[in-house]
């Protein structure tokens, strides 16, 4: 994954959500809530990894990846699924690398989501 804007945030998915829900402000609020929750979600992932708790790690990765998928945060969703699989199989060496990857991917995705919020505010 190169981390291009399209690989990080599927704006078509966000547009589809707006069409399905019929409320741009509600989608914008969901994106903002996701952004607000990212630090806590990443912290929970790190705590679970440090504690060697595969079940908690899987749960924490899902808690980040599920809303990411719904909101078109493709890269975060993909890495989250990989992290969930590693946690399920207690592959903690793989999980450590994936935690680094999900952290970096989430940071780049946050930039794209903030750009979406800025551009959709004028829509």
PDB file of N, CA and C in Angstrom:
ATOM      1  N   UNK A   1       0.854  -1.180   0.000  1.00  0.00           N
ATOM      2  CA  UNK A   1       0.000   0.000   0.000  1.00  0.00           C
ATOM      3  C   UNK A   1       0.893   1.234   0.000  1.00  0.00           C
ATOM      4  N   UNK A   2       0.711   2.063  -1.012  1.00  0.00           N
ATOM      5  CA  UNK A   2       1.558   3.240  -1.143  1.00  0.00           C
ATOM      6  C   UNK A   2       1.094   4.392  -0.285  1.00  0.00           C
ATOM      7  N   UNK A   3      -0.171   4.377   0.092  1.00  0.00           N
ATOM      8  CA  UNK A   3      -0.665   5.449   0.939  1.00  0.00           C
ATOM      9  C   UNK A   3      -1.171   6.645   0.152  1.00  0.00           C
ATOM     10  N   UNK A   4      -1.513   6.433  -1.141  1.00  0.00           N
ATOM     11  CA  UNK A   4      -2.081   7.543  -1.898  1.00  0.00           C
ATOM     12  C   UNK A   4      -3.441   7.891  -1.303  1.00  0.00           C
ATOM     13  N   UNK A   5      -3.900   9.090  -1.623  1.00  0.00           N
ATOM     14  CA  UNK A   5      -5.169   9.554  -1.056  1.00  0.00           C
ATOM     15  C   UNK A   5      -6.303   8.576  -1.352  1.00  0.00           C
ATOM     16  N   UNK A   6      -6.346   8.037  -2.569  1.00  0.00           N
ATOM     17  CA  UNK A   6      -7.409   7.097  -2.932  1.00  0.00           C
ATOM     18  C   UNK A   6      -7.325   5.797  -2.148  1.00  0.00           C
ATOM     19  N   UNK A   7      -6.114   5.363  -1.826  1.00  0.00           N
ATOM     20  CA  UNK A   7      -5.953   4.137  -1.051  1.00  0.00           C
ATOM     21  C   UNK A   7      -6.257   4.358   0.425  1.00  0.00           C
ATOM     22  N   UNK A   8      -6.190   5.591   0.857  1.00  0.00           N
ATOM     23  CA  UNK A   8      -6.437   5.905   2.263  1.00  0.00           C
ATOM     24  C   UNK A   8      -7.901   6.182   2.541  1.00  0.00           C
ATOM     25  N   UNK A   9      -8.533   6.971   1.690  1.00  0.00           N
ATOM     26  CA  UNK A   9      -9.911   7.384   1.927  1.00  0.00           C
ATOM     27  C   UNK A   9     -10.706   7.304   0.636  1.00  0.00           C
ATOM     28  N   UNK A  10     -11.718   6.467   0.640  1.00  0.00           N
ATOM     29  CA  UNK A  10     -12.597   6.300  -0.511  1.00  0.00           C
ATOM     30  C   UNK A  10     -13.721   7.339  -0.407  1.00  0.00           C
ATOM     31  N   UNK A  11     -13.517   8.456  -1.085  1.00  0.00           N
ATOM     32  CA  UNK A  11     -14.517   9.527  -1.028  1.00  0.00           C
ATOM     33  C   UNK A  11     -15.832   9.111  -1.696  1.00  0.00           C
ATOM     34  N   UNK A  12     -15.761   8.159  -2.616  1.00  0.00           N
ATOM     35  CA  UNK A  12     -16.986   7.642  -3.219  1.00  0.00           C
ATOM     36  C   UNK A  12     -17.839   6.957  -2.162  1.00  0.00           C
ATOM     37  N   UNK A  13     -17.190   6.241  -1.264  1.00  0.00           N
ATOM     38  CA  UNK A  13     -17.914   5.598  -0.160  1.00  0.00           C
ATOM     39  C   UNK A  13     -18.612   6.643   0.702  1.00  0.00           C
ATOM     40  N   UNK A  14     -17.920   7.746   0.980  1.00  0.00           N
ATOM     41  CA  UNK A  14     -18.530   8.813   1.778  1.00  0.00           C
ATOM     42  C   UNK A  14     -19.719   9.424   1.040  1.00  0.00           C
ATOM     43  N   UNK A  15     -19.583   9.628  -0.265  1.00  0.00           N
ATOM     44  CA  UNK A  15     -20.690  10.177  -1.055  1.00  0.00           C
ATOM     45  C   UNK A  15     -21.883   9.215  -1.058  1.00  0.00           C
ATOM     46  N   UNK A  16     -21.596   7.924  -1.140  1.00  0.00           N
ATOM     47  CA  UNK A  16     -22.660   6.918  -1.089  1.00  0.00           C
ATOM     48  C   UNK A  16     -23.352   6.955   0.262  1.00  0.00           C
ATOM     49  N   UNK A  17     -22.572   7.105   1.330  1.00  0.00           N
ATOM     50  CA  UNK A  17     -23.158   7.221   2.665  1.00  0.00           C
ATOM     51  C   UNK A  17     -24.091   8.423   2.756  1.00  0.00           C
ATOM     52  N   UNK A  18     -23.653   9.546   2.206  1.00  0.00           N
ATOM     53  CA  UNK A  18     -24.493  10.746   2.217  1.00  0.00           C
ATOM     54  C   UNK A  18     -25.790  10.463   1.471  1.00  0.00           C
ATOM     55  N   UNK A  19     -25.691   9.795   0.319  1.00  0.00           N
ATOM     56  CA  UNK A  19     -26.890   9.463  -0.452  1.00  0.00           C
ATOM     57  C   UNK A  19     -27.798   8.507   0.318  1.00  0.00           C
ATOM     58  N   UNK A  20     -27.200   7.494   0.943  1.00  0.00           N
ATOM     59  CA  UNK A  20     -27.992   6.501   1.678  1.00  0.00           C
ATOM     60  C   UNK A  20     -28.677   7.112   2.895  1.00  0.00           C
ATOM     61  N   UNK A  21     -27.941   7.934   3.621  1.00  0.00           N
ATOM     62  CA  UNK A  21     -28.472   8.527   4.845  1.00  0.00           C
ATOM     63  C   UNK A  21     -29.310   9.765   4.532  1.00  0.00           C
ATOM     64  N   UNK A  22     -28.885  10.478   3.507  1.00  0.00           N
ATOM     65  CA  UNK A  22     -29.599  11.689   3.115  1.00  0.00           C
ATOM     66  C   UNK A  22     -29.247  12.901   3.951  1.00  0.00           C
ATOM     67  N   UNK A  23     -28.083  12.845   4.607  1.00  0.00           N
ATOM     68  CA  UNK A  23     -27.723  13.942   5.493  1.00  0.00           C
ATOM     69  C   UNK A  23     -26.198  14.099   5.548  1.00  0.00           C
ATOM     70  N   UNK A  24     -25.682  15.084   4.816  1.00  0.00           N
ATOM     71  CA  UNK A  24     -24.242  15.343   4.788  1.00  0.00           C
ATOM     72  C   UNK A  24     -23.718  15.649   6.186  1.00  0.00           C
ATOM     73  N   UNK A  25     -24.476  16.426   6.958  1.00  0.00           N
ATOM     74  CA  UNK A  25     -24.009  16.796   8.298  1.00  0.00           C
ATOM     75  C   UNK A  25     -23.839  15.574   9.192  1.00  0.00           C
ATOM     76  N   UNK A  26     -24.698  14.591   9.047  1.00  0.00           N
ATOM     77  CA  UNK A  26     -24.589  13.378   9.857  1.00  0.00           C
ATOM     78  C   UNK A  26     -23.334  12.586   9.476  1.00  0.00           C
ATOM     79  N   UNK A  27     -23.033  12.525   8.194  1.00  0.00           N
ATOM     80  CA  UNK A  27     -21.814  11.843   7.747  1.00  0.00           C
ATOM     81  C   UNK A  27     -20.590  12.609   8.229  1.00  0.00           C
ATOM     82  N   UNK A  28     -20.622  13.917   8.120  1.00  0.00           N
ATOM     83  CA  UNK A  28     -19.511  14.740   8.612  1.00  0.00           C
ATOM     84  C   UNK A  28     -19.311  14.509  10.120  1.00  0.00           C
ATOM     85  N   UNK A  29     -20.408  14.413  10.848  1.00  0.00           N
ATOM     86  CA  UNK A  29     -20.334  14.165  12.292  1.00  0.00           C
ATOM     87  C   UNK A  29     -19.710  12.794  12.577  1.00  0.00           C
ATOM     88  N   UNK A  30     -20.071  11.792  11.778  1.00  0.00           N
ATOM     89  CA  UNK A  30     -19.497  10.455  11.941  1.00  0.00           C
ATOM     90  C   UNK A  30     -17.994  10.472  11.677  1.00  0.00           C
ATOM     91  N   UNK A  31     -17.570  11.205  10.652  1.00  0.00           N
ATOM     92  CA  UNK A  31     -16.141  11.327  10.353  1.00  0.00           C
ATOM     93  C   UNK A  31     -15.431  12.014  11.518  1.00  0.00           C
ATOM     94  N   UNK A  32     -16.017  13.087  12.029  1.00  0.00           N
ATOM     95  CA  UNK A  32     -15.395  13.800  13.143  1.00  0.00           C
ATOM     96  C   UNK A  32     -15.321  12.920  14.393  1.00  0.00           C
ATOM     97  N   UNK A  33     -16.356  12.153  14.644  1.00  0.00           N
ATOM     98  CA  UNK A  33     -16.354  11.244  15.789  1.00  0.00           C
ATOM     99  C   UNK A  33     -15.246  10.206  15.635  1.00  0.00           C
ATOM    100  N   UNK A  34     -15.111   9.663  14.428  1.00  0.00           N
ATOM    101  CA  UNK A  34     -14.028   8.717  14.165  1.00  0.00           C
ATOM    102  C   UNK A  34     -12.684   9.362  14.493  1.00  0.00           C
ATOM    103  N   UNK A  35     -12.475  10.580  13.992  1.00  0.00           N
ATOM    104  CA  UNK A  35     -11.212  11.285  14.242  1.00  0.00           C
ATOM    105  C   UNK A  35     -10.996  11.519  15.736  1.00  0.00           C
ATOM    106  N   UNK A  36     -12.047  11.876  16.439  1.00  0.00           N
ATOM    107  CA  UNK A  36     -11.944  12.121  17.884  1.00  0.00           C
ATOM    108  C   UNK A  36     -11.586  10.849  18.652  1.00  0.00           C
ATOM    109  N   UNK A  37     -12.049   9.705  18.159  1.00  0.00           N
ATOM    110  CA  UNK A  37     -11.846   8.440  18.871  1.00  0.00           C
ATOM    111  C   UNK A  37     -10.536   7.738  18.513  1.00  0.00           C
ATOM    112  N   UNK A  38      -9.886   8.161  17.430  1.00  0.00           N
ATOM    113  CA  UNK A  38      -8.662   7.494  16.979  1.00  0.00           C
ATOM    114  C   UNK A  38      -7.603   7.378  18.078  1.00  0.00           C
ATOM    115  N   UNK A  39      -7.276   8.441  18.800  1.00  0.00           N
ATOM    116  CA  UNK A  39      -6.219   8.293  19.820  1.00  0.00           C
ATOM    117  C   UNK A  39      -6.533   7.206  20.851  1.00  0.00           C
ATOM    118  N   UNK A  40      -7.764   7.161  21.327  1.00  0.00           N
ATOM    119  CA  UNK A  40      -8.141   6.145  22.311  1.00  0.00           C
ATOM    120  C   UNK A  40      -8.120   4.744  21.708  1.00  0.00           C
ATOM    121  N   UNK A  41      -8.555   4.625  20.472  1.00  0.00           N
ATOM    122  CA  UNK A  41      -8.565   3.309  19.804  1.00  0.00           C
ATOM    123  C   UNK A  41      -7.130   2.793  19.613  1.00  0.00           C
ATOM    124  N   UNK A  42      -6.238   3.682  19.167  1.00  0.00           N
ATOM    125  CA  UNK A  42      -4.840   3.274  18.995  1.00  0.00           C
ATOM    126  C   UNK A  42      -4.188   2.935  20.333  1.00  0.00           C
ATOM    127  N   UNK A  43      -4.535   3.703  21.369  1.00  0.00           N
ATOM    128  CA  UNK A  43      -3.998   3.421  22.706  1.00  0.00           C
ATOM    129  C   UNK A  43      -4.466   2.048  23.193  1.00  0.00           C
ATOM    130  N   UNK A  44      -5.724   1.716  22.952  1.00  0.00           N
ATOM    131  CA  UNK A  44      -6.248   0.411  23.364  1.00  0.00           C
ATOM    132  C   UNK A  44      -5.525  -0.719  22.627  1.00  0.00           C
ATOM    133  N   UNK A  45      -5.214  -0.497  21.366  1.00  0.00           N
ATOM    134  CA  UNK A  45      -4.465  -1.492  20.588  1.00  0.00           C
ATOM    135  C   UNK A  45      -3.086  -1.690  21.191  1.00  0.00           C
ATOM    136  N   UNK A  46      -2.417  -0.594  21.518  1.00  0.00           N
ATOM    137  CA  UNK A  46      -1.065  -0.688  22.087  1.00  0.00           C
ATOM    138  C   UNK A  46      -1.057  -1.372  23.458  1.00  0.00           C
ATOM    139  N   UNK A  47      -2.045  -1.053  24.283  1.00  0.00           N
ATOM    140  CA  UNK A  47      -2.148  -1.667  25.615  1.00  0.00           C
ATOM    141  C   UNK A  47      -2.377  -3.173  25.477  1.00  0.00           C
ATOM    142  N   UNK A  48      -3.272  -3.561  24.576  1.00  0.00           N
ATOM    143  CA  UNK A  48      -3.545  -4.988  24.381  1.00  0.00           C
ATOM    144  C   UNK A  48      -2.310  -5.714  23.862  1.00  0.00           C
ATOM    145  N   UNK A  49      -1.590  -5.083  22.953  1.00  0.00           N
ATOM    146  CA  UNK A  49      -0.367  -5.695  22.429  1.00  0.00           C
ATOM    147  C   UNK A  49       0.672  -5.845  23.535  1.00  0.00           C
ATOM    148  N   UNK A  50       0.866  -4.784  24.309  1.00  0.00           N
ATOM    149  CA  UNK A  50       1.855  -4.821  25.394  1.00  0.00           C
ATOM    150  C   UNK A  50       1.508  -5.894  26.424  1.00  0.00           C
ATOM    151  N   UNK A  51       0.221  -6.112  26.635  1.00  0.00           N
ATOM    152  CA  UNK A  51      -0.221  -7.111  27.603  1.00  0.00           C
ATOM    153  C   UNK A  51      -0.266  -8.521  27.037  1.00  0.00           C
ATOM    154  N   UNK A  52       0.007  -8.647  25.739  1.00  0.00           N
ATOM    155  CA  UNK A  52      -0.017  -9.972  25.120  1.00  0.00           C
ATOM    156  C   UNK A  52      -1.394 -10.609  25.113  1.00  0.00           C
ATOM    157  N   UNK A  53      -2.422  -9.773  25.087  1.00  0.00           N
ATOM    158  CA  UNK A  53      -3.800 -10.255  25.132  1.00  0.00           C
ATOM    159  C   UNK A  53      -4.377 -10.276  23.711  1.00  0.00           C
ATOM    160  N   UNK A  54      -4.321 -11.450  23.089  1.00  0.00           N
ATOM    161  CA  UNK A  54      -4.781 -11.587  21.713  1.00  0.00           C
ATOM    162  C   UNK A  54      -6.241 -11.256  21.530  1.00  0.00           C
ATOM    163  N   UNK A  55      -7.079 -11.677  22.450  1.00  0.00           N
ATOM    164  CA  UNK A  55      -8.514 -11.409  22.342  1.00  0.00           C
ATOM    165  C   UNK A  55      -8.788  -9.905  22.439  1.00  0.00           C
ATOM    166  N   UNK A  56      -8.150  -9.251  23.379  1.00  0.00           N
ATOM    167  CA  UNK A  56      -8.340  -7.801  23.538  1.00  0.00           C
ATOM    168  C   UNK A  56      -7.759  -7.046  22.339  1.00  0.00           C
ATOM    169  N   UNK A  57      -6.643  -7.521  21.824  1.00  0.00           N
ATOM    170  CA  UNK A  57      -6.040  -6.893  20.648  1.00  0.00           C
ATOM    171  C   UNK A  57      -6.971  -7.011  19.447  1.00  0.00           C
ATOM    172  N   UNK A  58      -7.533  -8.185  19.279  1.00  0.00           N
ATOM    173  CA  UNK A  58      -8.475  -8.391  18.173  1.00  0.00           C
ATOM    174  C   UNK A  58      -9.682  -7.470  18.316  1.00  0.00           C
ATOM    175  N   UNK A  59     -10.188  -7.362  19.516  1.00  0.00           N
ATOM    176  CA  UNK A  59     -11.340  -6.501  19.776  1.00  0.00           C
ATOM    177  C   UNK A  59     -11.009  -5.032  19.529  1.00  0.00           C
ATOM    178  N   UNK A  60      -9.846  -4.603  19.989  1.00  0.00           N
ATOM    179  CA  UNK A  60      -9.439  -3.203  19.807  1.00  0.00           C
ATOM    180  C   UNK A  60      -9.195  -2.890  18.336  1.00  0.00           C
ATOM    181  N   UNK A  61      -8.608  -3.830  17.609  1.00  0.00           N
ATOM    182  CA  UNK A  61      -8.386  -3.626  16.176  1.00  0.00           C
ATOM    183  C   UNK A  61      -9.728  -3.535  15.445  1.00  0.00           C
ATOM    184  N   UNK A  62     -10.672  -4.370  15.850  1.00  0.00           N
ATOM    185  CA  UNK A  62     -12.006  -4.323  15.244  1.00  0.00           C
ATOM    186  C   UNK A  62     -12.699  -2.991  15.543  1.00  0.00           C
ATOM    187  N   UNK A  63     -12.536  -2.502  16.759  1.00  0.00           N
ATOM    188  CA  UNK A  63     -13.172  -1.237  17.155  1.00  0.00           C
ATOM    189  C   UNK A  63     -12.655  -0.061  16.337  1.00  0.00           C
ATOM    190  N   UNK A  64     -11.441  -0.158  15.837  1.00  0.00           N
ATOM    191  CA  UNK A  64     -10.911   0.875  14.942  1.00  0.00           C
ATOM    192  C   UNK A  64     -11.292   0.578  13.497  1.00  0.00           C
ATOM    193  N   UNK A  65     -11.179  -0.669  13.094  1.00  0.00           N
ATOM    194  CA  UNK A  65     -11.360  -1.032  11.694  1.00  0.00           C
ATOM    195  C   UNK A  65     -12.791  -1.013  11.206  1.00  0.00           C
ATOM    196  N   UNK A  66     -13.737  -1.352  12.057  1.00  0.00           N
ATOM    197  CA  UNK A  66     -15.133  -1.400  11.636  1.00  0.00           C
ATOM    198  C   UNK A  66     -15.663  -0.022  11.219  1.00  0.00           C
ATOM    199  N   UNK A  67     -15.525   1.003  12.060  1.00  0.00           N
ATOM    200  CA  UNK A  67     -15.984   2.319  11.607  1.00  0.00           C
ATOM    201  C   UNK A  67     -15.128   2.851  10.453  1.00  0.00           C
ATOM    202  N   UNK A  68     -13.863   2.461  10.423  1.00  0.00           N
ATOM    203  CA  UNK A  68     -13.004   2.878   9.312  1.00  0.00           C
ATOM    204  C   UNK A  68     -13.577   2.352   7.999  1.00  0.00           C
ATOM    205  N   UNK A  69     -13.972   1.098   7.983  1.00  0.00           N
ATOM    206  CA  UNK A  69     -14.549   0.505   6.778  1.00  0.00           C
ATOM    207  C   UNK A  69     -15.835   1.224   6.378  1.00  0.00           C
ATOM    208  N   UNK A  70     -16.686   1.491   7.351  1.00  0.00           N
ATOM    209  CA  UNK A  70     -17.950   2.161   7.063  1.00  0.00           C
ATOM    210  C   UNK A  70     -17.729   3.538   6.445  1.00  0.00           C
ATOM    211  N   UNK A  71     -16.669   4.219   6.889  1.00  0.00           N
ATOM    212  CA  UNK A  71     -16.404   5.585   6.444  1.00  0.00           C
ATOM    213  C   UNK A  71     -15.434   5.656   5.263  1.00  0.00           C
ATOM    214  N   UNK A  72     -15.082   4.528   4.700  1.00  0.00           N
ATOM    215  CA  UNK A  72     -14.223   4.536   3.521  1.00  0.00           C
ATOM    216  C   UNK A  72     -12.746   4.693   3.806  1.00  0.00           C
ATOM    217  N   UNK A  73     -12.338   4.496   5.056  1.00  0.00           N
ATOM    218  CA  UNK A  73     -10.917   4.565   5.402  1.00  0.00           C
ATOM    219  C   UNK A  73     -10.300   3.208   5.066  1.00  0.00           C
ATOM    220  N   UNK A  74     -10.064   3.018   3.789  1.00  0.00           N
ATOM    221  CA  UNK A  74      -9.692   1.722   3.233  1.00  0.00           C
ATOM    222  C   UNK A  74      -8.415   1.166   3.856  1.00  0.00           C
ATOM    223  N   UNK A  75      -7.373   1.954   3.901  1.00  0.00           N
ATOM    224  CA  UNK A  75      -6.095   1.481   4.424  1.00  0.00           C
ATOM    225  C   UNK A  75      -6.190   1.044   5.873  1.00  0.00           C
ATOM    226  N   UNK A  76      -6.871   1.833   6.680  1.00  0.00           N
ATOM    227  CA  UNK A  76      -7.034   1.491   8.104  1.00  0.00           C
ATOM    228  C   UNK A  76      -7.832   0.193   8.230  1.00  0.00           C
ATOM    229  N   UNK A  77      -8.858   0.053   7.428  1.00  0.00           N
ATOM    230  CA  UNK A  77      -9.679  -1.150   7.464  1.00  0.00           C
ATOM    231  C   UNK A  77      -8.869  -2.391   7.094  1.00  0.00           C
ATOM    232  N   UNK A  78      -8.079  -2.295   6.032  1.00  0.00           N
ATOM    233  CA  UNK A  78      -7.277  -3.436   5.580  1.00  0.00           C
ATOM    234  C   UNK A  78      -6.268  -3.856   6.649  1.00  0.00           C
ATOM    235  N   UNK A  79      -5.533  -2.904   7.180  1.00  0.00           N
ATOM    236  CA  UNK A  79      -4.515  -3.237   8.180  1.00  0.00           C
ATOM    237  C   UNK A  79      -5.182  -3.733   9.465  1.00  0.00           C
ATOM    238  N   UNK A  80      -6.329  -3.189   9.794  1.00  0.00           N
ATOM    239  CA  UNK A  80      -7.056  -3.649  10.979  1.00  0.00           C
ATOM    240  C   UNK A  80      -7.425  -5.120  10.848  1.00  0.00           C
ATOM    241  N   UNK A  81      -7.891  -5.521   9.673  1.00  0.00           N
ATOM    242  CA  UNK A  81      -8.240  -6.930   9.454  1.00  0.00           C
ATOM    243  C   UNK A  81      -7.004  -7.815   9.575  1.00  0.00           C
ATOM    244  N   UNK A  82      -5.875  -7.350   9.061  1.00  0.00           N
ATOM    245  CA  UNK A  82      -4.633  -8.108   9.180  1.00  0.00           C
ATOM    246  C   UNK A  82      -4.222  -8.234  10.647  1.00  0.00           C
ATOM    247  N   UNK A  83      -4.395  -7.152  11.396  1.00  0.00           N
ATOM    248  CA  UNK A  83      -4.060  -7.161  12.818  1.00  0.00           C
ATOM    249  C   UNK A  83      -4.991  -8.096  13.587  1.00  0.00           C
ATOM    250  N   UNK A  84      -6.263  -8.084  13.237  1.00  0.00           N
ATOM    251  CA  UNK A  84      -7.209  -8.992  13.890  1.00  0.00           C
ATOM    252  C   UNK A  84      -6.816 -10.448  13.649  1.00  0.00           C
ATOM    253  N   UNK A  85      -6.407 -10.762  12.431  1.00  0.00           N
ATOM    254  CA  UNK A  85      -5.997 -12.132  12.103  1.00  0.00           C
ATOM    255  C   UNK A  85      -4.742 -12.523  12.886  1.00  0.00           C
ATOM    256  N   UNK A  86      -3.779 -11.617  12.958  1.00  0.00           N
ATOM    257  CA  UNK A  86      -2.552 -11.897  13.710  1.00  0.00           C
ATOM    258  C   UNK A  86      -2.870 -12.112  15.184  1.00  0.00           C
ATOM    259  N   UNK A  87      -3.768 -11.293  15.725  1.00  0.00           N
ATOM    260  CA  UNK A  87      -4.140 -11.429  17.140  1.00  0.00           C
ATOM    261  C   UNK A  87      -4.863 -12.738  17.395  1.00  0.00           C
ATOM    262  N   UNK A  88      -5.728 -13.125  16.476  1.00  0.00           N
ATOM    263  CA  UNK A  88      -6.477 -14.373  16.611  1.00  0.00           C
ATOM    264  C   UNK A  88      -5.535 -15.577  16.695  1.00  0.00           C
ATOM    265  N   UNK A  89      -4.430 -15.490  15.957  1.00  0.00           N
ATOM    266  CA  UNK A  89      -3.467 -16.598  15.900  1.00  0.00           C
ATOM    267  C   UNK A  89      -2.276 -16.385  16.846  1.00  0.00           C
ATOM    268  N   UNK A  90      -2.375 -15.368  17.715  1.00  0.00           N
ATOM    269  CA  UNK A  90      -1.307 -15.049  18.675  1.00  0.00           C
ATOM    270  C   UNK A  90       0.047 -14.852  17.997  1.00  0.00           C
ATOM    271  N   UNK A  91       0.034 -14.222  16.835  1.00  0.00           N
ATOM    272  CA  UNK A  91       1.272 -13.903  16.120  1.00  0.00           C
ATOM    273  C   UNK A  91       1.689 -12.482  16.525  1.00  0.00           C
ATOM    274  N   UNK A  92       2.271 -12.371  17.710  1.00  0.00           N
ATOM    275  CA  UNK A  92       2.563 -11.056  18.274  1.00  0.00           C
ATOM    276  C   UNK A  92       3.714 -10.340  17.583  1.00  0.00           C
ATOM    277  N   UNK A  93       4.664 -11.076  16.997  1.00  0.00           N
ATOM    278  CA  UNK A  93       5.720 -10.411  16.225  1.00  0.00           C
ATOM    279  C   UNK A  93       5.109  -9.714  15.009  1.00  0.00           C
ATOM    280  N   UNK A  94       4.212 -10.421  14.318  1.00  0.00           N
ATOM    281  CA  UNK A  94       3.511  -9.812  13.184  1.00  0.00           C
ATOM    282  C   UNK A  94       2.646  -8.650  13.668  1.00  0.00           C
ATOM    283  N   UNK A  95       2.002  -8.845  14.798  1.00  0.00           N
ATOM    284  CA  UNK A  95       1.112  -7.817  15.337  1.00  0.00           C
ATOM    285  C   UNK A  95       1.870  -6.525  15.636  1.00  0.00           C
ATOM    286  N   UNK A  96       3.084  -6.655  16.163  1.00  0.00           N
ATOM    287  CA  UNK A  96       3.877  -5.444  16.455  1.00  0.00           C
ATOM    288  C   UNK A  96       4.116  -4.627  15.193  1.00  0.00           C
ATOM    289  N   UNK A  97       4.490  -5.288  14.123  1.00  0.00           N
ATOM    290  CA  UNK A  97       4.719  -4.588  12.858  1.00  0.00           C
ATOM    291  C   UNK A  97       3.412  -3.991  12.331  1.00  0.00           C
ATOM    292  N   UNK A  98       2.331  -4.721  12.497  1.00  0.00           N
ATOM    293  CA  UNK A  98       1.035  -4.220  12.028  1.00  0.00           C
ATOM    294  C   UNK A  98       0.550  -3.032  12.850  1.00  0.00           C
ATOM    295  N   UNK A  99       0.861  -3.010  14.138  1.00  0.00           N
ATOM    296  CA  UNK A  99       0.489  -1.858  14.968  1.00  0.00           C
ATOM    297  C   UNK A  99       1.232  -0.611  14.474  1.00  0.00           C
ATOM    298  N   UNK A 100       2.485  -0.769  14.152  1.00  0.00           N
ATOM    299  CA  UNK A 100       3.227   0.367  13.579  1.00  0.00           C
ATOM    300  C   UNK A 100       2.598   0.811  12.259  1.00  0.00           C
ATOM    301  N   UNK A 101       2.221  -0.172  11.438  1.00  0.00           N
ATOM    302  CA  UNK A 101       1.627   0.140  10.145  1.00  0.00           C
ATOM    303  C   UNK A 101       0.259   0.811  10.305  1.00  0.00           C
ATOM    304  N   UNK A 102      -0.559   0.307  11.215  1.00  0.00           N
ATOM    305  CA  UNK A 102      -1.895   0.880  11.386  1.00  0.00           C
ATOM    306  C   UNK A 102      -1.802   2.293  11.966  1.00  0.00           C
ATOM    307  N   UNK A 103      -0.803   2.524  12.808  1.00  0.00           N
ATOM    308  CA  UNK A 103      -0.605   3.868  13.361  1.00  0.00           C
ATOM    309  C   UNK A 103      -0.253   4.848  12.252  1.00  0.00           C
ATOM    310  N   UNK A 104       0.693   4.485  11.409  1.00  0.00           N
ATOM    311  CA  UNK A 104       1.105   5.360  10.305  1.00  0.00           C
ATOM    312  C   UNK A 104      -0.026   5.561   9.303  1.00  0.00           C
ATOM    313  N   UNK A 105      -0.727   4.480   8.987  1.00  0.00           N
ATOM    314  CA  UNK A 105      -1.833   4.572   8.026  1.00  0.00           C
ATOM    315  C   UNK A 105      -2.952   5.439   8.575  1.00  0.00           C
ATOM    316  N   UNK A 106      -3.234   5.294   9.859  1.00  0.00           N
ATOM    317  CA  UNK A 106      -4.281   6.105  10.480  1.00  0.00           C
ATOM    318  C   UNK A 106      -3.903   7.581  10.470  1.00  0.00           C
ATOM    319  N   UNK A 107      -2.646   7.884  10.734  1.00  0.00           N
ATOM    320  CA  UNK A 107      -2.216   9.290  10.715  1.00  0.00           C
ATOM    321  C   UNK A 107      -2.397   9.905   9.323  1.00  0.00           C
ATOM    322  N   UNK A 108      -2.021   9.156   8.287  1.00  0.00           N
ATOM    323  CA  UNK A 108      -2.194   9.674   6.915  1.00  0.00           C
ATOM    324  C   UNK A 108      -3.671   9.788   6.556  1.00  0.00           C
ATOM    325  N   UNK A 109      -4.469   8.841   7.034  1.00  0.00           N
ATOM    326  CA  UNK A 109      -5.909   8.870   6.763  1.00  0.00           C
ATOM    327  C   UNK A 109      -6.569  10.054   7.462  1.00  0.00           C
ATOM    328  N   UNK A 110      -6.108  10.373   8.656  1.00  0.00           N
ATOM    329  CA  UNK A 110      -6.649  11.530   9.376  1.00  0.00           C
ATOM    330  C   UNK A 110      -6.494  12.804   8.544  1.00  0.00           C
ATOM    331  N   UNK A 111      -5.362  12.953   7.885  1.00  0.00           N
ATOM    332  CA  UNK A 111      -5.127  14.124   7.031  1.00  0.00           C
ATOM    333  C   UNK A 111      -6.171  14.170   5.915  1.00  0.00           C
ATOM    334  N   UNK A 112      -6.417  13.026   5.296  1.00  0.00           N
ATOM    335  CA  UNK A 112      -7.402  12.963   4.210  1.00  0.00           C
ATOM    336  C   UNK A 112      -8.822  13.225   4.723  1.00  0.00           C
ATOM    337  N   UNK A 113      -9.136  12.718   5.904  1.00  0.00           N
ATOM    338  CA  UNK A 113     -10.468  12.943   6.472  1.00  0.00           C
ATOM    339  C   UNK A 113     -10.672  14.413   6.833  1.00  0.00           C
ATOM    340  N   UNK A 114      -9.639  15.033   7.347  1.00  0.00           N
ATOM    341  CA  UNK A 114      -9.757  16.470   7.663  1.00  0.00           C
ATOM    342  C   UNK A 114      -9.922  17.285   6.379  1.00  0.00           C
ATOM    343  N   UNK A 115      -9.264  16.874   5.316  1.00  0.00           N
ATOM    344  CA  UNK A 115      -9.432  17.546   4.024  1.00  0.00           C
ATOM    345  C   UNK A 115     -10.869  17.345   3.522  1.00  0.00           C
ATOM    346  N   UNK A 116     -11.410  16.148   3.720  1.00  0.00           N
ATOM    347  CA  UNK A 116     -12.802  15.894   3.343  1.00  0.00           C
ATOM    348  C   UNK A 116     -13.740  16.798   4.123  1.00  0.00           C
ATOM    349  N   UNK A 117     -13.517  16.897   5.429  1.00  0.00           N
ATOM    350  CA  UNK A 117     -14.374  17.761   6.254  1.00  0.00           C
ATOM    351  C   UNK A 117     -14.299  19.211   5.788  1.00  0.00           C
ATOM    352  N   UNK A 118     -13.109  19.653   5.467  1.00  0.00           N
ATOM    353  CA  UNK A 118     -12.940  21.045   5.009  1.00  0.00           C
ATOM    354  C   UNK A 118     -13.649  21.259   3.672  1.00  0.00           C
ATOM    355  N   UNK A 119     -13.488  20.315   2.755  1.00  0.00           N
ATOM    356  CA  UNK A 119     -14.083  20.493   1.419  1.00  0.00           C
ATOM    357  C   UNK A 119     -15.607  20.309   1.455  1.00  0.00           C
ATOM    358  N   UNK A 120     -16.097  19.442   2.325  1.00  0.00           N
ATOM    359  CA  UNK A 120     -17.546  19.213   2.380  1.00  0.00           C
ATOM    360  C   UNK A 120     -18.263  20.308   3.163  1.00  0.00           C
ATOM    361  N   UNK A 121     -17.525  21.094   3.916  1.00  0.00           N
ATOM    362  CA  UNK A 121     -18.145  22.192   4.669  1.00  0.00           C
ATOM    363  C   UNK A 121     -18.678  23.256   3.719  1.00  0.00           C
ATOM    364  N   UNK A 122     -18.045  23.373   2.571  1.00  0.00           N
ATOM    365  CA  UNK A 122     -18.462  24.385   1.604  1.00  0.00           C
ATOM    366  C   UNK A 122     -19.438  23.826   0.580  1.00  0.00           C
ATOM    367  N   UNK A 123     -19.776  22.531   0.720  1.00  0.00           N
ATOM    368  CA  UNK A 123     -20.668  21.891  -0.268  1.00  0.00           C
ATOM    369  C   UNK A 123     -22.121  22.234   0.007  1.00  0.00           C
TER     370      UNK A 123
END
